[in-house]
Amino acid sequence: MISHLHGDHFYGLIGLLTSFHLLGRKDDLDLYGPPDLWEILELQLKASMTELVYTLHFHPLNMNAYEQIFEDDKVTLHSFPVVHSVPTCGFIFREKKAARNSLTGPRSYAYCTDTLYSETIIPYIQNSSLLYHETTFMKDRAEAAKDKYHSTTVEAATIALKSGAKKLLIGHYSARYDDLDPLLQEARSVFPETIMAEDGLIVDI
């Protein structure tokens, strides 16, 4: 799932797809993303004279509406618009039934980045078991966040609180911060059940 066409969210995709190719992938691959992404990938594959050894199924997202994009016997997946400087989608994964031994019912995971603070997303992500929401800046840079269509720690925590999330996972930090712990503490001041995204993290929901 590719949320939008800013470089930090898709520039590595062609490398991943061609690595699968070189490793002899056999299984089909489903790719969901903004409609223009397919044109970009076709050009990259054509320029490198690459014909993938596996089948790539591209599914263009509706960037303006809440829409189911996948379903199987275990989960559903919906995309929905968030507010950024280019058309951008968030995603919500929902279990159809609770896992064995679950005490909390079916689980759900919402992914919201990149996005300005916007309560319009709350109906789409209500009561998520785990909400990932970007926290590019701390609250003292709220104006910068607004100008760049990003969110602050407090804004992400507020969305978690108002949407009834069980846990908040924060990430997409500005490179200006060498020490990330203050971002975590600031988010926890509003929503205590906050954890910080880092490479290799596994979150139990």
N, C-alpha and C. Protein backbone atom coordinates (compact mmCIF):
# COMPACT_ATOMS: atom_id res chain seq x y z
N MET A 1 0.84 -1.19 0.00
CA MET A 1 0.00 0.00 0.00
C MET A 1 0.88 1.25 0.00
N ILE A 2 0.71 2.09 -1.02
CA ILE A 2 1.46 3.33 -1.14
C ILE A 2 0.48 4.48 -0.93
N SER A 3 0.73 5.30 0.09
CA SER A 3 -0.25 6.32 0.48
C SER A 3 -0.26 7.53 -0.43
N HIS A 4 0.93 7.93 -0.94
CA HIS A 4 0.99 9.13 -1.77
C HIS A 4 2.34 9.21 -2.47
N LEU A 5 2.44 10.16 -3.38
CA LEU A 5 3.61 10.23 -4.26
C LEU A 5 4.62 11.28 -3.82
N HIS A 6 5.01 11.23 -2.57
CA HIS A 6 6.19 11.95 -2.11
C HIS A 6 7.32 10.93 -1.98
N GLY A 7 8.54 11.37 -2.29
CA GLY A 7 9.66 10.47 -2.45
C GLY A 7 9.91 9.53 -1.31
N ASP A 8 9.77 10.01 -0.07
CA ASP A 8 10.07 9.15 1.07
C ASP A 8 9.05 8.03 1.25
N HIS A 9 8.01 8.04 0.43
CA HIS A 9 6.98 7.01 0.52
C HIS A 9 6.96 6.06 -0.67
N PHE A 10 7.71 6.38 -1.76
CA PHE A 10 7.67 5.43 -2.87
C PHE A 10 8.95 5.32 -3.70
N TYR A 11 9.96 6.16 -3.45
CA TYR A 11 11.17 6.08 -4.28
C TYR A 11 11.85 4.72 -4.19
N GLY A 12 11.73 4.04 -3.07
CA GLY A 12 12.36 2.72 -2.93
C GLY A 12 11.57 1.58 -3.54
N LEU A 13 10.36 1.88 -4.04
CA LEU A 13 9.48 0.81 -4.51
C LEU A 13 10.05 0.06 -5.71
N ILE A 14 10.58 0.78 -6.68
CA ILE A 14 11.07 0.11 -7.88
C ILE A 14 12.25 -0.81 -7.53
N GLY A 15 13.05 -0.42 -6.56
CA GLY A 15 14.13 -1.29 -6.11
C GLY A 15 13.62 -2.57 -5.49
N LEU A 16 12.55 -2.45 -4.70
CA LEU A 16 11.94 -3.62 -4.08
C LEU A 16 11.36 -4.56 -5.14
N LEU A 17 10.62 -3.98 -6.08
CA LEU A 17 9.98 -4.79 -7.11
C LEU A 17 11.00 -5.52 -7.98
N THR A 18 12.08 -4.83 -8.33
CA THR A 18 13.10 -5.48 -9.17
C THR A 18 13.96 -6.45 -8.36
N SER A 19 14.09 -6.23 -7.06
CA SER A 19 14.78 -7.22 -6.22
C SER A 19 13.98 -8.52 -6.18
N PHE A 20 12.66 -8.42 -6.04
CA PHE A 20 11.82 -9.62 -6.12
C PHE A 20 12.04 -10.33 -7.45
N HIS A 21 12.13 -9.54 -8.51
CA HIS A 21 12.35 -10.08 -9.86
C HIS A 21 13.68 -10.84 -9.92
N LEU A 22 14.74 -10.24 -9.45
CA LEU A 22 16.06 -10.86 -9.51
C LEU A 22 16.15 -12.10 -8.64
N LEU A 23 15.36 -12.14 -7.58
CA LEU A 23 15.36 -13.30 -6.69
C LEU A 23 14.43 -14.41 -7.17
N GLY A 24 13.76 -14.16 -8.31
CA GLY A 24 12.93 -15.19 -8.92
C GLY A 24 11.58 -15.39 -8.26
N ARG A 25 10.99 -14.30 -7.78
CA ARG A 25 9.68 -14.41 -7.14
C ARG A 25 8.69 -15.11 -8.07
N LYS A 26 7.85 -15.97 -7.50
CA LYS A 26 6.83 -16.68 -8.28
C LYS A 26 5.42 -16.18 -8.02
N ASP A 27 5.17 -15.77 -6.77
CA ASP A 27 3.81 -15.36 -6.40
C ASP A 27 3.45 -14.03 -7.01
N ASP A 28 2.17 -13.87 -7.34
CA ASP A 28 1.65 -12.58 -7.77
C ASP A 28 1.82 -11.56 -6.66
N LEU A 29 1.87 -10.30 -7.03
CA LEU A 29 1.98 -9.22 -6.05
C LEU A 29 0.91 -8.18 -6.33
N ASP A 30 0.14 -7.83 -5.30
CA ASP A 30 -0.88 -6.79 -5.42
C ASP A 30 -0.34 -5.50 -4.86
N LEU A 31 -0.45 -4.44 -5.64
CA LEU A 31 0.06 -3.13 -5.27
C LEU A 31 -1.07 -2.12 -5.33
N TYR A 32 -1.27 -1.39 -4.23
CA TYR A 32 -2.31 -0.38 -4.13
C TYR A 32 -1.65 0.99 -4.00
N GLY A 33 -2.08 1.96 -4.81
CA GLY A 33 -1.45 3.26 -4.74
C GLY A 33 -2.18 4.29 -5.59
N PRO A 34 -1.72 5.54 -5.54
CA PRO A 34 -2.32 6.60 -6.36
C PRO A 34 -2.28 6.23 -7.84
N PRO A 35 -3.29 6.62 -8.61
CA PRO A 35 -3.35 6.22 -10.03
C PRO A 35 -2.08 6.52 -10.83
N ASP A 36 -1.43 7.65 -10.58
CA ASP A 36 -0.24 8.02 -11.34
C ASP A 36 0.96 7.12 -11.07
N LEU A 37 0.90 6.35 -9.99
CA LEU A 37 2.03 5.48 -9.66
C LEU A 37 2.30 4.45 -10.75
N TRP A 38 1.25 3.94 -11.37
CA TRP A 38 1.43 2.91 -12.39
C TRP A 38 2.21 3.45 -13.59
N GLU A 39 1.93 4.68 -13.99
CA GLU A 39 2.66 5.28 -15.10
C GLU A 39 4.15 5.43 -14.77
N ILE A 40 4.43 5.80 -13.53
CA ILE A 40 5.83 5.93 -13.09
C ILE A 40 6.54 4.59 -13.14
N LEU A 41 5.91 3.55 -12.63
CA LEU A 41 6.53 2.22 -12.61
C LEU A 41 6.73 1.67 -14.02
N GLU A 42 5.74 1.87 -14.88
CA GLU A 42 5.87 1.41 -16.26
C GLU A 42 7.07 2.06 -16.95
N LEU A 43 7.25 3.35 -16.71
CA LEU A 43 8.38 4.06 -17.31
C LEU A 43 9.71 3.52 -16.77
N GLN A 44 9.77 3.29 -15.47
CA GLN A 44 11.01 2.78 -14.86
C GLN A 44 11.34 1.38 -15.39
N LEU A 45 10.33 0.53 -15.51
CA LEU A 45 10.56 -0.82 -16.01
C LEU A 45 10.95 -0.79 -17.50
N LYS A 46 10.30 0.07 -18.26
CA LYS A 46 10.63 0.20 -19.69
C LYS A 46 12.05 0.71 -19.88
N ALA A 47 12.44 1.74 -19.11
CA ALA A 47 13.77 2.33 -19.26
C ALA A 47 14.87 1.34 -18.91
N SER A 48 14.59 0.43 -17.97
CA SER A 48 15.59 -0.55 -17.56
C SER A 48 15.45 -1.86 -18.33
N MET A 49 14.50 -1.89 -19.28
CA MET A 49 14.25 -3.08 -20.10
C MET A 49 14.00 -4.30 -19.22
N THR A 50 13.16 -4.10 -18.20
CA THR A 50 12.85 -5.16 -17.25
C THR A 50 11.43 -5.68 -17.47
N GLU A 51 11.31 -6.96 -17.67
CA GLU A 51 10.01 -7.62 -17.73
C GLU A 51 9.93 -8.55 -16.53
N LEU A 52 9.13 -8.18 -15.56
CA LEU A 52 9.08 -8.91 -14.30
C LEU A 52 8.74 -10.38 -14.51
N VAL A 53 9.37 -11.24 -13.72
CA VAL A 53 9.13 -12.68 -13.83
C VAL A 53 7.91 -13.11 -13.03
N TYR A 54 7.28 -12.19 -12.32
CA TYR A 54 6.05 -12.46 -11.59
C TYR A 54 5.00 -11.46 -12.05
N THR A 55 3.75 -11.72 -11.70
CA THR A 55 2.66 -10.84 -12.13
C THR A 55 2.41 -9.78 -11.07
N LEU A 56 2.44 -8.54 -11.52
CA LEU A 56 2.17 -7.40 -10.64
C LEU A 56 0.79 -6.85 -10.95
N HIS A 57 -0.10 -6.91 -9.97
CA HIS A 57 -1.46 -6.39 -10.12
C HIS A 57 -1.53 -5.02 -9.48
N PHE A 58 -1.80 -4.00 -10.26
CA PHE A 58 -1.88 -2.64 -9.71
C PHE A 58 -3.35 -2.26 -9.50
N HIS A 59 -3.64 -1.74 -8.31
CA HIS A 59 -4.99 -1.32 -7.95
C HIS A 59 -4.97 0.17 -7.64
N PRO A 60 -5.48 1.02 -8.53
CA PRO A 60 -5.47 2.46 -8.27
C PRO A 60 -6.44 2.81 -7.15
N LEU A 61 -5.99 3.65 -6.23
CA LEU A 61 -6.82 4.08 -5.11
C LEU A 61 -7.72 5.23 -5.53
N ASN A 62 -8.90 5.28 -4.92
CA ASN A 62 -9.74 6.47 -5.00
C ASN A 62 -9.23 7.42 -3.92
N MET A 63 -8.61 8.50 -4.32
CA MET A 63 -7.94 9.39 -3.37
C MET A 63 -8.91 10.34 -2.65
N ASN A 64 -10.20 10.23 -2.97
CA ASN A 64 -11.16 11.22 -2.46
C ASN A 64 -12.30 10.61 -1.65
N ALA A 65 -12.25 9.31 -1.38
CA ALA A 65 -13.40 8.70 -0.70
C ALA A 65 -12.97 7.50 0.12
N TYR A 66 -13.77 7.19 1.13
CA TYR A 66 -13.61 5.97 1.92
C TYR A 66 -14.07 4.80 1.05
N GLU A 67 -13.23 3.80 0.91
CA GLU A 67 -13.54 2.74 -0.05
C GLU A 67 -12.89 1.43 0.37
N GLN A 68 -13.64 0.33 0.26
CA GLN A 68 -13.05 -0.98 0.53
C GLN A 68 -12.19 -1.37 -0.67
N ILE A 69 -10.95 -1.78 -0.40
CA ILE A 69 -10.04 -2.13 -1.49
C ILE A 69 -9.60 -3.59 -1.45
N PHE A 70 -9.90 -4.28 -0.35
CA PHE A 70 -9.52 -5.69 -0.24
C PHE A 70 -10.40 -6.37 0.79
N GLU A 71 -10.65 -7.66 0.54
CA GLU A 71 -11.37 -8.49 1.51
C GLU A 71 -11.02 -9.95 1.26
N ASP A 72 -10.78 -10.67 2.33
CA ASP A 72 -10.71 -12.13 2.25
C ASP A 72 -11.50 -12.69 3.42
N ASP A 73 -11.27 -13.96 3.76
CA ASP A 73 -12.08 -14.56 4.82
C ASP A 73 -11.68 -14.10 6.21
N LYS A 74 -10.54 -13.37 6.31
CA LYS A 74 -10.05 -12.95 7.62
C LYS A 74 -10.13 -11.44 7.87
N VAL A 75 -9.87 -10.63 6.85
CA VAL A 75 -9.78 -9.19 7.06
C VAL A 75 -10.45 -8.40 5.94
N THR A 76 -10.75 -7.14 6.26
CA THR A 76 -11.10 -6.16 5.23
C THR A 76 -10.08 -5.03 5.30
N LEU A 77 -9.89 -4.37 4.18
CA LEU A 77 -8.98 -3.24 4.09
C LEU A 77 -9.68 -2.10 3.36
N HIS A 78 -9.71 -0.93 4.00
CA HIS A 78 -10.29 0.26 3.40
C HIS A 78 -9.23 1.34 3.28
N SER A 79 -9.38 2.18 2.27
CA SER A 79 -8.57 3.40 2.15
C SER A 79 -9.49 4.59 2.38
N PHE A 80 -8.89 5.71 2.77
CA PHE A 80 -9.67 6.92 3.01
C PHE A 80 -8.77 8.13 2.84
N PRO A 81 -9.34 9.28 2.47
CA PRO A 81 -8.51 10.47 2.24
C PRO A 81 -8.05 11.10 3.56
N VAL A 82 -6.79 11.53 3.58
CA VAL A 82 -6.27 12.38 4.65
C VAL A 82 -5.88 13.71 4.01
N VAL A 83 -5.43 14.66 4.83
CA VAL A 83 -5.21 16.02 4.33
C VAL A 83 -3.71 16.30 4.25
N HIS A 84 -3.19 16.32 3.03
CA HIS A 84 -1.78 16.57 2.82
C HIS A 84 -1.61 17.48 1.61
N SER A 85 -0.37 17.80 1.26
CA SER A 85 -0.12 18.75 0.17
C SER A 85 -0.31 18.13 -1.20
N VAL A 86 -0.37 16.81 -1.28
CA VAL A 86 -0.74 16.09 -2.50
C VAL A 86 -1.81 15.07 -2.10
N PRO A 87 -2.58 14.54 -3.06
CA PRO A 87 -3.59 13.54 -2.70
C PRO A 87 -2.96 12.37 -1.95
N THR A 88 -3.55 12.03 -0.80
CA THR A 88 -2.96 11.04 0.10
C THR A 88 -4.06 10.21 0.74
N CYS A 89 -3.80 8.93 0.91
CA CYS A 89 -4.76 8.03 1.55
C CYS A 89 -4.19 7.45 2.84
N GLY A 90 -5.07 7.24 3.79
CA GLY A 90 -4.78 6.41 4.94
C GLY A 90 -5.40 5.04 4.71
N PHE A 91 -5.12 4.10 5.63
CA PHE A 91 -5.62 2.73 5.47
C PHE A 91 -6.10 2.22 6.82
N ILE A 92 -7.12 1.36 6.79
CA ILE A 92 -7.60 0.71 8.00
C ILE A 92 -7.84 -0.77 7.73
N PHE A 93 -7.12 -1.61 8.48
CA PHE A 93 -7.25 -3.07 8.40
C PHE A 93 -8.14 -3.51 9.55
N ARG A 94 -9.13 -4.36 9.26
CA ARG A 94 -10.02 -4.86 10.31
C ARG A 94 -10.17 -6.38 10.21
N GLU A 95 -9.99 -7.05 11.33
CA GLU A 95 -10.32 -8.47 11.39
C GLU A 95 -11.83 -8.64 11.32
N LYS A 96 -12.25 -9.74 10.69
CA LYS A 96 -13.67 -10.04 10.62
C LYS A 96 -14.18 -10.69 11.91
N LYS A 97 -13.31 -11.45 12.55
CA LYS A 97 -13.68 -12.04 13.83
C LYS A 97 -12.46 -12.09 14.71
N ALA A 98 -12.69 -12.15 15.99
CA ALA A 98 -11.59 -12.11 16.95
C ALA A 98 -10.70 -13.32 16.83
N ALA A 99 -9.42 -13.10 17.06
CA ALA A 99 -8.47 -14.20 17.08
C ALA A 99 -8.75 -15.10 18.28
N ARG A 100 -8.32 -16.35 18.19
CA ARG A 100 -8.53 -17.29 19.29
C ARG A 100 -7.88 -16.74 20.57
N ASN A 101 -8.58 -16.88 21.66
CA ASN A 101 -8.13 -16.41 22.99
C ASN A 101 -8.13 -14.89 23.13
N SER A 102 -8.69 -14.18 22.16
CA SER A 102 -8.76 -12.72 22.28
C SER A 102 -9.81 -12.33 23.31
N LEU A 103 -9.45 -11.35 24.14
CA LEU A 103 -10.39 -10.85 25.15
C LEU A 103 -10.99 -9.51 24.74
N THR A 104 -10.58 -9.00 23.59
CA THR A 104 -11.01 -7.65 23.19
C THR A 104 -11.80 -7.61 21.90
N GLY A 105 -12.06 -8.77 21.27
CA GLY A 105 -12.79 -8.78 20.02
C GLY A 105 -11.87 -8.61 18.82
N PRO A 106 -12.45 -8.45 17.64
CA PRO A 106 -11.64 -8.30 16.42
C PRO A 106 -10.69 -7.11 16.51
N ARG A 107 -9.50 -7.29 15.98
CA ARG A 107 -8.48 -6.24 16.02
C ARG A 107 -8.52 -5.38 14.77
N SER A 108 -7.98 -4.17 14.89
CA SER A 108 -7.90 -3.28 13.73
C SER A 108 -6.65 -2.42 13.83
N TYR A 109 -6.14 -2.06 12.67
CA TYR A 109 -4.93 -1.24 12.58
C TYR A 109 -5.17 -0.13 11.58
N ALA A 110 -5.01 1.12 12.03
CA ALA A 110 -5.19 2.29 11.17
C ALA A 110 -3.85 2.96 10.92
N TYR A 111 -3.63 3.37 9.68
CA TYR A 111 -2.37 3.99 9.27
C TYR A 111 -2.69 5.36 8.68
N CYS A 112 -2.17 6.42 9.31
CA CYS A 112 -2.49 7.79 8.89
C CYS A 112 -1.22 8.61 8.75
N THR A 113 -0.72 8.74 7.54
CA THR A 113 0.44 9.57 7.23
C THR A 113 0.53 9.70 5.72
N ASP A 114 0.98 10.82 5.23
CA ASP A 114 1.25 12.09 5.90
C ASP A 114 -0.06 12.86 5.97
N THR A 115 -0.26 13.61 7.04
CA THR A 115 -1.53 14.31 7.16
C THR A 115 -1.47 15.49 8.12
N LEU A 116 -2.18 16.51 7.75
CA LEU A 116 -2.50 17.61 8.64
C LEU A 116 -3.45 17.09 9.73
N TYR A 117 -3.47 17.75 10.89
CA TYR A 117 -4.48 17.40 11.90
C TYR A 117 -5.86 17.59 11.29
N SER A 118 -6.66 16.54 11.29
CA SER A 118 -8.00 16.62 10.72
C SER A 118 -8.91 15.61 11.40
N GLU A 119 -9.96 16.10 12.01
CA GLU A 119 -10.91 15.21 12.67
C GLU A 119 -11.84 14.51 11.67
N THR A 120 -11.72 14.85 10.38
CA THR A 120 -12.54 14.18 9.37
C THR A 120 -12.20 12.69 9.26
N ILE A 121 -11.01 12.30 9.71
CA ILE A 121 -10.63 10.88 9.61
C ILE A 121 -11.20 10.04 10.74
N ILE A 122 -11.69 10.67 11.79
CA ILE A 122 -12.12 9.92 12.98
C ILE A 122 -13.18 8.87 12.67
N PRO A 123 -14.21 9.15 11.87
CA PRO A 123 -15.20 8.10 11.59
C PRO A 123 -14.61 6.87 10.91
N TYR A 124 -13.52 7.03 10.18
CA TYR A 124 -12.92 5.92 9.45
C TYR A 124 -12.07 5.03 10.36
N ILE A 125 -11.55 5.57 11.44
CA ILE A 125 -10.58 4.86 12.28
C ILE A 125 -11.09 4.59 13.68
N GLN A 126 -12.38 4.76 13.90
CA GLN A 126 -12.98 4.66 15.23
C GLN A 126 -12.60 3.36 15.93
N ASN A 127 -12.15 3.50 17.18
CA ASN A 127 -11.88 2.36 18.06
C ASN A 127 -10.80 1.41 17.54
N SER A 128 -9.80 1.94 16.88
CA SER A 128 -8.70 1.10 16.37
C SER A 128 -7.93 0.45 17.52
N SER A 129 -7.56 -0.79 17.34
CA SER A 129 -6.69 -1.44 18.32
C SER A 129 -5.33 -0.76 18.36
N LEU A 130 -4.85 -0.38 17.17
CA LEU A 130 -3.58 0.33 17.05
C LEU A 130 -3.73 1.39 15.97
N LEU A 131 -3.41 2.61 16.32
CA LEU A 131 -3.43 3.73 15.37
C LEU A 131 -2.01 4.22 15.15
N TYR A 132 -1.55 4.16 13.90
CA TYR A 132 -0.30 4.84 13.55
C TYR A 132 -0.66 6.21 13.01
N HIS A 133 -0.10 7.24 13.63
CA HIS A 133 -0.35 8.62 13.17
C HIS A 133 0.96 9.37 13.20
N GLU A 134 1.25 10.05 12.13
CA GLU A 134 2.50 10.79 12.05
C GLU A 134 2.60 11.86 13.14
N THR A 135 3.84 12.09 13.59
CA THR A 135 4.15 13.16 14.54
C THR A 135 5.43 13.82 14.06
N THR A 136 5.32 14.61 13.02
CA THR A 136 6.51 15.20 12.42
C THR A 136 7.16 16.22 13.35
N PHE A 137 6.34 16.96 14.10
CA PHE A 137 6.85 18.04 14.94
C PHE A 137 6.31 17.95 16.36
N MET A 138 6.99 18.64 17.28
CA MET A 138 6.46 18.85 18.62
C MET A 138 5.49 20.02 18.59
N LYS A 139 4.75 20.20 19.69
CA LYS A 139 3.66 21.17 19.68
C LYS A 139 4.11 22.61 19.52
N ASP A 140 5.38 22.92 19.86
CA ASP A 140 5.85 24.29 19.73
C ASP A 140 6.05 24.68 18.26
N ARG A 141 5.96 23.71 17.36
CA ARG A 141 6.08 23.99 15.93
C ARG A 141 4.77 23.70 15.20
N ALA A 142 3.68 24.01 15.88
CA ALA A 142 2.35 23.75 15.31
C ALA A 142 2.12 24.51 14.01
N GLU A 143 2.62 25.74 13.92
CA GLU A 143 2.43 26.53 12.70
C GLU A 143 3.22 25.92 11.54
N ALA A 144 4.43 25.44 11.82
CA ALA A 144 5.22 24.78 10.79
C ALA A 144 4.52 23.51 10.31
N ALA A 145 3.95 22.77 11.25
CA ALA A 145 3.21 21.56 10.90
C ALA A 145 2.05 21.89 9.98
N LYS A 146 1.32 22.94 10.32
CA LYS A 146 0.18 23.34 9.49
C LYS A 146 0.63 23.77 8.11
N ASP A 147 1.69 24.55 8.04
CA ASP A 147 2.19 25.04 6.75
C ASP A 147 2.65 23.90 5.85
N LYS A 148 3.19 22.84 6.46
CA LYS A 148 3.73 21.72 5.68
C LYS A 148 2.75 20.54 5.58
N TYR A 149 1.54 20.73 6.07
CA TYR A 149 0.50 19.69 6.04
C TYR A 149 0.94 18.44 6.79
N HIS A 150 1.53 18.67 7.96
CA HIS A 150 1.90 17.58 8.85
C HIS A 150 1.25 17.79 10.22
N SER A 151 1.54 16.90 11.15
CA SER A 151 0.92 16.95 12.48
C SER A 151 1.97 17.00 13.58
N THR A 152 1.52 17.47 14.74
CA THR A 152 2.38 17.50 15.92
C THR A 152 2.07 16.30 16.81
N THR A 153 2.91 16.12 17.81
CA THR A 153 2.71 15.06 18.81
C THR A 153 1.35 15.17 19.48
N VAL A 154 1.03 16.36 19.91
CA VAL A 154 -0.24 16.58 20.63
C VAL A 154 -1.44 16.36 19.70
N GLU A 155 -1.29 16.77 18.45
CA GLU A 155 -2.40 16.58 17.50
C GLU A 155 -2.63 15.10 17.22
N ALA A 156 -1.57 14.34 17.06
CA ALA A 156 -1.72 12.90 16.86
C ALA A 156 -2.36 12.25 18.08
N ALA A 157 -1.92 12.64 19.26
CA ALA A 157 -2.48 12.09 20.49
C ALA A 157 -3.95 12.46 20.66
N THR A 158 -4.31 13.65 20.22
CA THR A 158 -5.70 14.09 20.29
C THR A 158 -6.58 13.27 19.37
N ILE A 159 -6.09 12.97 18.16
CA ILE A 159 -6.83 12.10 17.26
C ILE A 159 -7.03 10.72 17.89
N ALA A 160 -5.98 10.19 18.51
CA ALA A 160 -6.09 8.89 19.18
C ALA A 160 -7.14 8.93 20.27
N LEU A 161 -7.13 9.99 21.06
CA LEU A 161 -8.08 10.14 22.16
C LEU A 161 -9.51 10.25 21.65
N LYS A 162 -9.72 11.10 20.65
CA LYS A 162 -11.08 11.35 20.15
C LYS A 162 -11.63 10.19 19.34
N SER A 163 -10.74 9.38 18.77
CA SER A 163 -11.22 8.26 17.95
C SER A 163 -11.39 6.98 18.77
N GLY A 164 -10.99 7.01 20.03
CA GLY A 164 -11.13 5.83 20.88
C GLY A 164 -10.11 4.75 20.62
N ALA A 165 -8.94 5.12 20.12
CA ALA A 165 -7.88 4.14 19.85
C ALA A 165 -7.41 3.49 21.15
N LYS A 166 -7.00 2.24 21.05
CA LYS A 166 -6.46 1.55 22.23
C LYS A 166 -4.99 1.89 22.44
N LYS A 167 -4.23 1.95 21.34
CA LYS A 167 -2.81 2.31 21.38
C LYS A 167 -2.51 3.27 20.24
N LEU A 168 -1.53 4.14 20.47
CA LEU A 168 -1.06 5.07 19.44
C LEU A 168 0.41 4.76 19.15
N LEU A 169 0.72 4.61 17.89
CA LEU A 169 2.10 4.43 17.43
C LEU A 169 2.49 5.68 16.65
N ILE A 170 3.52 6.40 17.10
CA ILE A 170 3.92 7.63 16.44
C ILE A 170 5.18 7.42 15.60
N GLY A 171 5.32 8.26 14.56
CA GLY A 171 6.47 8.15 13.68
C GLY A 171 6.53 9.32 12.72
N HIS A 172 7.39 9.19 11.68
CA HIS A 172 7.59 10.23 10.67
C HIS A 172 8.13 11.52 11.30
N TYR A 173 9.19 11.35 12.09
CA TYR A 173 9.75 12.47 12.85
C TYR A 173 10.60 13.38 11.95
N SER A 174 10.54 14.66 12.20
CA SER A 174 11.41 15.60 11.51
C SER A 174 12.87 15.30 11.84
N ALA A 175 13.74 15.48 10.85
CA ALA A 175 15.17 15.25 11.05
C ALA A 175 15.80 16.27 11.99
N ARG A 176 15.05 17.31 12.36
CA ARG A 176 15.58 18.32 13.28
C ARG A 176 15.76 17.75 14.69
N TYR A 177 15.11 16.63 15.00
CA TYR A 177 15.15 16.09 16.36
C TYR A 177 16.20 14.98 16.47
N ASP A 178 17.26 15.24 17.21
CA ASP A 178 18.26 14.22 17.49
C ASP A 178 17.79 13.28 18.60
N ASP A 179 17.09 13.83 19.55
CA ASP A 179 16.54 13.06 20.67
C ASP A 179 15.04 12.97 20.47
N LEU A 180 14.53 11.75 20.31
CA LEU A 180 13.11 11.56 20.02
C LEU A 180 12.27 11.36 21.27
N ASP A 181 12.90 11.14 22.40
CA ASP A 181 12.13 10.88 23.62
C ASP A 181 11.18 12.02 23.99
N PRO A 182 11.56 13.31 23.80
CA PRO A 182 10.61 14.37 24.11
C PRO A 182 9.32 14.30 23.28
N LEU A 183 9.41 13.80 22.03
CA LEU A 183 8.20 13.63 21.24
C LEU A 183 7.28 12.59 21.86
N LEU A 184 7.89 11.49 22.33
CA LEU A 184 7.11 10.44 22.97
C LEU A 184 6.45 10.95 24.23
N GLN A 185 7.20 11.66 25.06
CA GLN A 185 6.65 12.15 26.32
C GLN A 185 5.54 13.18 26.09
N GLU A 186 5.71 14.00 25.09
CA GLU A 186 4.69 15.01 24.80
C GLU A 186 3.39 14.34 24.33
N ALA A 187 3.50 13.32 23.48
CA ALA A 187 2.31 12.60 23.04
C ALA A 187 1.65 11.88 24.22
N ARG A 188 2.47 11.30 25.11
CA ARG A 188 1.92 10.59 26.26
C ARG A 188 1.24 11.51 27.26
N SER A 189 1.58 12.78 27.23
CA SER A 189 0.92 13.72 28.13
C SER A 189 -0.56 13.88 27.79
N VAL A 190 -0.92 13.57 26.56
CA VAL A 190 -2.32 13.62 26.12
C VAL A 190 -2.91 12.23 26.03
N PHE A 191 -2.12 11.28 25.53
CA PHE A 191 -2.60 9.91 25.32
C PHE A 191 -1.55 8.95 25.86
N PRO A 192 -1.71 8.50 27.10
CA PRO A 192 -0.66 7.70 27.76
C PRO A 192 -0.27 6.42 27.02
N GLU A 193 -1.20 5.80 26.31
CA GLU A 193 -0.91 4.53 25.63
C GLU A 193 -0.26 4.80 24.28
N THR A 194 0.86 5.53 24.31
CA THR A 194 1.59 5.88 23.09
C THR A 194 2.93 5.17 23.09
N ILE A 195 3.31 4.64 21.93
CA ILE A 195 4.62 4.03 21.75
C ILE A 195 5.27 4.64 20.51
N MET A 196 6.57 4.49 20.41
CA MET A 196 7.35 5.15 19.36
C MET A 196 7.78 4.13 18.31
N ALA A 197 7.52 4.44 17.04
CA ALA A 197 7.94 3.58 15.94
C ALA A 197 9.46 3.60 15.82
N GLU A 198 10.02 2.43 15.59
CA GLU A 198 11.46 2.32 15.32
C GLU A 198 11.67 1.06 14.50
N ASP A 199 12.78 0.99 13.79
CA ASP A 199 13.06 -0.15 12.92
C ASP A 199 13.04 -1.45 13.69
N GLY A 200 12.32 -2.43 13.15
CA GLY A 200 12.27 -3.75 13.75
C GLY A 200 11.26 -3.92 14.87
N LEU A 201 10.52 -2.85 15.19
CA LEU A 201 9.55 -2.94 16.29
C LEU A 201 8.40 -3.86 15.93
N ILE A 202 8.03 -4.71 16.87
CA ILE A 202 6.85 -5.57 16.75
C ILE A 202 5.87 -5.17 17.84
N VAL A 203 4.64 -4.85 17.43
CA VAL A 203 3.63 -4.37 18.37
C VAL A 203 2.54 -5.42 18.53
N ASP A 204 2.29 -5.84 19.75
CA ASP A 204 1.24 -6.81 20.05
C ASP A 204 -0.09 -6.08 20.23
N ILE A 205 -1.07 -6.40 19.37
CA ILE A 205 -2.39 -5.78 19.52
C ILE A 205 -3.47 -6.83 19.77
